[in-house]
Each structure stands twice: as structure tokens, then as C-alpha cells.
C-alpha atoms as a PDB file:
ATOM      1  CA  UNK A   1      56.704  45.643 -43.699  1.00  0.00           C
ATOM      2  CA  UNK A   2      53.025  46.644 -43.159  1.00  0.00           C
ATOM      3  CA  UNK A   3      50.893  46.532 -46.244  1.00  0.00           C
ATOM      4  CA  UNK A   4      49.649  50.012 -47.150  1.00  0.00           C
ATOM      5  CA  UNK A   5      46.071  48.795 -47.452  1.00  0.00           C
ATOM      6  CA  UNK A   6      46.297  47.315 -44.007  1.00  0.00           C
ATOM      7  CA  UNK A   7      47.757  50.513 -42.550  1.00  0.00           C
ATOM      8  CA  UNK A   8      44.948  52.542 -44.144  1.00  0.00           C
ATOM      9  CA  UNK A   9      42.372  50.124 -42.683  1.00  0.00           C
ATOM     10  CA  UNK A  10      43.889  50.529 -39.226  1.00  0.00           C
ATOM     11  CA  UNK A  11      43.697  54.347 -39.600  1.00  0.00           C
ATOM     12  CA  UNK A  12      39.979  53.972 -40.549  1.00  0.00           C
ATOM     13  CA  UNK A  13      39.208  51.869 -37.504  1.00  0.00           C
ATOM     14  CA  UNK A  14      38.453  54.862 -35.179  1.00  0.00           C
ATOM     15  CA  UNK A  15      36.030  56.192 -37.837  1.00  0.00           C
ATOM     16  CA  UNK A  16      34.419  52.747 -38.014  1.00  0.00           C
ATOM     17  CA  UNK A  17      34.019  52.713 -34.184  1.00  0.00           C
ATOM     18  CA  UNK A  18      32.358  56.178 -34.407  1.00  0.00           C
ATOM     19  CA  UNK A  19      30.002  54.960 -37.029  1.00  0.00           C
ATOM     20  CA  UNK A  20      28.891  51.907 -35.073  1.00  0.00           C
ATOM     21  CA  UNK A  21      28.613  53.655 -31.700  1.00  0.00           C
ATOM     22  CA  UNK A  22      24.888  52.849 -31.436  1.00  0.00           C
ATOM     23  CA  UNK A  23      25.575  49.244 -32.308  1.00  0.00           C
ATOM     24  CA  UNK A  24      28.155  49.126 -29.521  1.00  0.00           C
ATOM     25  CA  UNK A  25      25.779  50.836 -27.100  1.00  0.00           C
ATOM     26  CA  UNK A  26      22.685  48.770 -27.780  1.00  0.00           C
ATOM     27  CA  UNK A  27      23.665  45.462 -29.484  1.00  0.00           C
ATOM     28  CA  UNK A  28      26.903  44.867 -27.665  1.00  0.00           C
ATOM     29  CA  UNK A  29      26.788  46.538 -24.225  1.00  0.00           C
ATOM     30  CA  UNK A  30      23.056  47.017 -23.709  1.00  0.00           C
ATOM     31  CA  UNK A  31      22.079  43.504 -24.724  1.00  0.00           C
ATOM     32  CA  UNK A  32      24.955  41.885 -22.887  1.00  0.00           C
ATOM     33  CA  UNK A  33      24.297  43.678 -19.539  1.00  0.00           C
ATOM     34  CA  UNK A  34      20.511  43.220 -19.673  1.00  0.00           C
ATOM     35  CA  UNK A  35      20.912  39.565 -20.725  1.00  0.00           C
ATOM     36  CA  UNK A  36      23.227  38.912 -17.761  1.00  0.00           C
ATOM     37  CA  UNK A  37      20.552  40.470 -15.464  1.00  0.00           C
ATOM     38  CA  UNK A  38      17.580  38.852 -17.184  1.00  0.00           C
ATOM     39  CA  UNK A  39      19.063  35.339 -16.881  1.00  0.00           C
ATOM     40  CA  UNK A  40      18.248  35.648 -13.124  1.00  0.00           C
ATOM     41  CA  UNK A  41      14.556  35.812 -14.029  1.00  0.00           C
ATOM     42  CA  UNK A  42      14.269  33.473 -16.970  1.00  0.00           C
ATOM     43  CA  UNK A  43      16.332  31.640 -19.585  1.00  0.00           C
ATOM     44  CA  UNK A  44      17.877  32.359 -22.915  1.00  0.00           C
ATOM     45  CA  UNK A  45      15.298  31.714 -25.613  1.00  0.00           C
ATOM     46  CA  UNK A  46      17.903  31.387 -28.402  1.00  0.00           C
ATOM     47  CA  UNK A  47      18.876  27.705 -28.385  1.00  0.00           C
ATOM     48  CA  UNK A  48      22.337  28.263 -29.882  1.00  0.00           C
ATOM     49  CA  UNK A  49      23.194  30.997 -27.381  1.00  0.00           C
ATOM     50  CA  UNK A  50      21.767  29.010 -24.511  1.00  0.00           C
ATOM     51  CA  UNK A  51      24.012  26.036 -25.441  1.00  0.00           C
ATOM     52  CA  UNK A  52      27.099  28.235 -25.804  1.00  0.00           C
ATOM     53  CA  UNK A  53      26.458  30.041 -22.518  1.00  0.00           C
ATOM     54  CA  UNK A  54      25.755  26.761 -20.659  1.00  0.00           C
ATOM     55  CA  UNK A  55      28.977  25.290 -21.981  1.00  0.00           C
ATOM     56  CA  UNK A  56      31.273  28.329 -21.723  1.00  0.00           C
ATOM     57  CA  UNK A  57      29.530  30.826 -19.445  1.00  0.00           C
ATOM     58  CA  UNK A  58      27.672  34.038 -19.986  1.00  0.00           C
ATOM     59  CA  UNK A  59      30.871  35.872 -20.975  1.00  0.00           C
ATOM     60  CA  UNK A  60      30.966  33.791 -24.106  1.00  0.00           C
ATOM     61  CA  UNK A  61      28.048  35.948 -25.283  1.00  0.00           C
ATOM     62  CA  UNK A  62      30.252  39.023 -25.180  1.00  0.00           C
ATOM     63  CA  UNK A  63      32.944  37.167 -27.153  1.00  0.00           C
ATOM     64  CA  UNK A  64      30.434  36.200 -29.829  1.00  0.00           C
ATOM     65  CA  UNK A  65      29.309  39.811 -30.087  1.00  0.00           C
ATOM     66  CA  UNK A  66      32.940  41.000 -30.421  1.00  0.00           C
ATOM     67  CA  UNK A  67      33.408  38.455 -33.210  1.00  0.00           C
ATOM     68  CA  UNK A  68      30.228  39.744 -34.846  1.00  0.00           C
ATOM     69  CA  UNK A  69      31.732  43.260 -34.817  1.00  0.00           C
ATOM     70  CA  UNK A  70      34.691  41.778 -36.681  1.00  0.00           C
ATOM     71  CA  UNK A  71      32.335  40.595 -39.436  1.00  0.00           C
ATOM     72  CA  UNK A  72      30.677  44.022 -39.498  1.00  0.00           C
ATOM     73  CA  UNK A  73      34.059  45.644 -39.821  1.00  0.00           C
ATOM     74  CA  UNK A  74      34.971  43.303 -42.708  1.00  0.00           C
ATOM     75  CA  UNK A  75      31.658  44.284 -44.412  1.00  0.00           C
ATOM     76  CA  UNK A  76      32.342  47.952 -43.731  1.00  0.00           C
ATOM     77  CA  UNK A  77      35.728  47.732 -45.426  1.00  0.00           C
ATOM     78  CA  UNK A  78      34.260  45.948 -48.437  1.00  0.00           C
ATOM     79  CA  UNK A  79      31.401  48.372 -48.779  1.00  0.00           C
ATOM     80  CA  UNK A  80      33.627  51.433 -48.452  1.00  0.00           C
ATOM     81  CA  UNK A  81      36.103  49.993 -51.022  1.00  0.00           C
ATOM     82  CA  UNK A  82      33.221  49.720 -53.545  1.00  0.00           C
ATOM     83  CA  UNK A  83      32.812  53.549 -53.350  1.00  0.00           C
ATOM     84  CA  UNK A  84      29.265  53.568 -54.634  1.00  0.00           C
ATOM     85  CA  UNK A  85      26.107  55.473 -53.554  1.00  0.00           C
ATOM     86  CA  UNK A  86      24.262  52.119 -53.371  1.00  0.00           C
ATOM     87  CA  UNK A  87      26.978  50.691 -51.128  1.00  0.00           C
ATOM     88  CA  UNK A  88      26.791  53.737 -48.810  1.00  0.00           C
ATOM     89  CA  UNK A  89      23.010  53.112 -48.695  1.00  0.00           C
ATOM     90  CA  UNK A  90      23.611  49.415 -47.900  1.00  0.00           C
ATOM     91  CA  UNK A  91      26.032  50.422 -45.108  1.00  0.00           C
ATOM     92  CA  UNK A  92      23.518  52.875 -43.673  1.00  0.00           C
ATOM     93  CA  UNK A  93      20.680  50.359 -43.707  1.00  0.00           C
ATOM     94  CA  UNK A  94      22.934  47.674 -42.230  1.00  0.00           C
ATOM     95  CA  UNK A  95      24.150  49.648 -39.244  1.00  0.00           C
ATOM     96  CA  UNK A  96      20.633  50.948 -38.544  1.00  0.00           C
ATOM     97  CA  UNK A  97      19.246  47.426 -38.748  1.00  0.00           C
ATOM     98  CA  UNK A  98      21.743  46.062 -36.276  1.00  0.00           C
ATOM     99  CA  UNK A  99      21.090  48.973 -33.982  1.00  0.00           C
ATOM    100  CA  UNK A 100      17.357  48.320 -34.163  1.00  0.00           C
ATOM    101  CA  UNK A 101      17.920  44.635 -33.317  1.00  0.00           C
ATOM    102  CA  UNK A 102      20.001  45.798 -30.297  1.00  0.00           C
ATOM    103  CA  UNK A 103      17.300  48.077 -29.101  1.00  0.00           C
ATOM    104  CA  UNK A 104      14.685  45.309 -29.488  1.00  0.00           C
ATOM    105  CA  UNK A 105      16.859  42.885 -27.507  1.00  0.00           C
ATOM    106  CA  UNK A 106      17.433  45.455 -24.711  1.00  0.00           C
ATOM    107  CA  UNK A 107      13.612  46.108 -24.512  1.00  0.00           C
ATOM    108  CA  UNK A 108      12.886  42.396 -24.556  1.00  0.00           C
ATOM    109  CA  UNK A 109      15.345  41.798 -21.695  1.00  0.00           C
ATOM    110  CA  UNK A 110      13.876  44.706 -19.706  1.00  0.00           C
ATOM    111  CA  UNK A 111      10.402  43.038 -20.174  1.00  0.00           C
ATOM    112  CA  UNK A 112      11.912  39.848 -18.695  1.00  0.00           C
ATOM    113  CA  UNK A 113      13.536  41.726 -15.793  1.00  0.00           C
ATOM    114  CA  UNK A 114      10.539  43.897 -14.866  1.00  0.00           C
ATOM    115  CA  UNK A 115       7.583  41.979 -16.207  1.00  0.00           C
ATOM    116  CA  UNK A 116       8.699  38.321 -15.853  1.00  0.00           C
ATOM    117  CA  UNK A 117       7.826  37.675 -19.553  1.00  0.00           C
ATOM    118  CA  UNK A 118       9.519  38.523 -22.795  1.00  0.00           C
ATOM    119  CA  UNK A 119       8.415  40.825 -25.457  1.00  0.00           C
ATOM    120  CA  UNK A 120       8.405  37.872 -27.829  1.00  0.00           C
ATOM    121  CA  UNK A 121       5.896  36.140 -25.558  1.00  0.00           C
ATOM    122  CA  UNK A 122       3.729  39.252 -25.443  1.00  0.00           C
ATOM    123  CA  UNK A 123       3.732  39.424 -29.234  1.00  0.00           C
ATOM    124  CA  UNK A 124       2.749  35.687 -29.357  1.00  0.00           C
ATOM    125  CA  UNK A 125       5.856  34.573 -31.160  1.00  0.00           C
ATOM    126  CA  UNK A 126       6.981  32.323 -28.248  1.00  0.00           C
ATOM    127  CA  UNK A 127       4.593  30.411 -26.002  1.00  0.00           C
ATOM    128  CA  UNK A 128       3.953  31.916 -22.535  1.00  0.00           C
END
């Protein structure tokens, strides 16, 4: 038989997807599509991701992002189970932070595609 907590978690999954829609849009889809395109003009600056993509292909990036969403879902369930205002605040900050990272990654990739340099290079964080 299905555990009642598990069944409740499955019923909450559509709500979770609605709550992370901007993470899906920017961090998952936006970064993946622009990274695929930007790799034609440069290389992956993240050494770990560069190694994984060299070994398993660019689609492995999408798999890693989906696994990351699994971690986010686990945290979502833990935070919601705590039922505290501080935990709601933590969830809000977490999803906004991940969305911001996704927006930053998309902008960085667009700089590589259209400007032939990364935003990180422009900021002086990575050598030109």
C-alpha cells in the first residue's frame, strides 16, 4: 500500500512545480538552451560541468539540473513540514536565489553568444 505521507507529497507536486516555475524557466530551460548554443562560441568555465559534459555529452547538464530539482523538492517538503514562518521565509529566499542564479547564467550565456566574452570576464572574475 501507498504510504499516506507519500500520497500527500505526490498530490503536492503540482503545487511545487507552480512554485518553482521561474526556476524551471531560467535555471533549467533557459540556462540549458543558452549553454548549448554558447558552447559553439566558447567553452564551459565550470570545471566540473566541463568534465561531465566532455565525458557524457551536453545532455548530461540537463540530467544534473533535473537531479538538482529533486534536491529542491526534498528541501521544499522538509521546509513545508516544519510549518513555521521562518521556514516559509527560507523557502521564499531559496527559490528566489535559485531563480536569480538562473537569470545570471542566462545573461552570461547571452554575453558569450552575442559578445564573444562572458559576463564573468567583464566583471573581472575570470581572465579574458
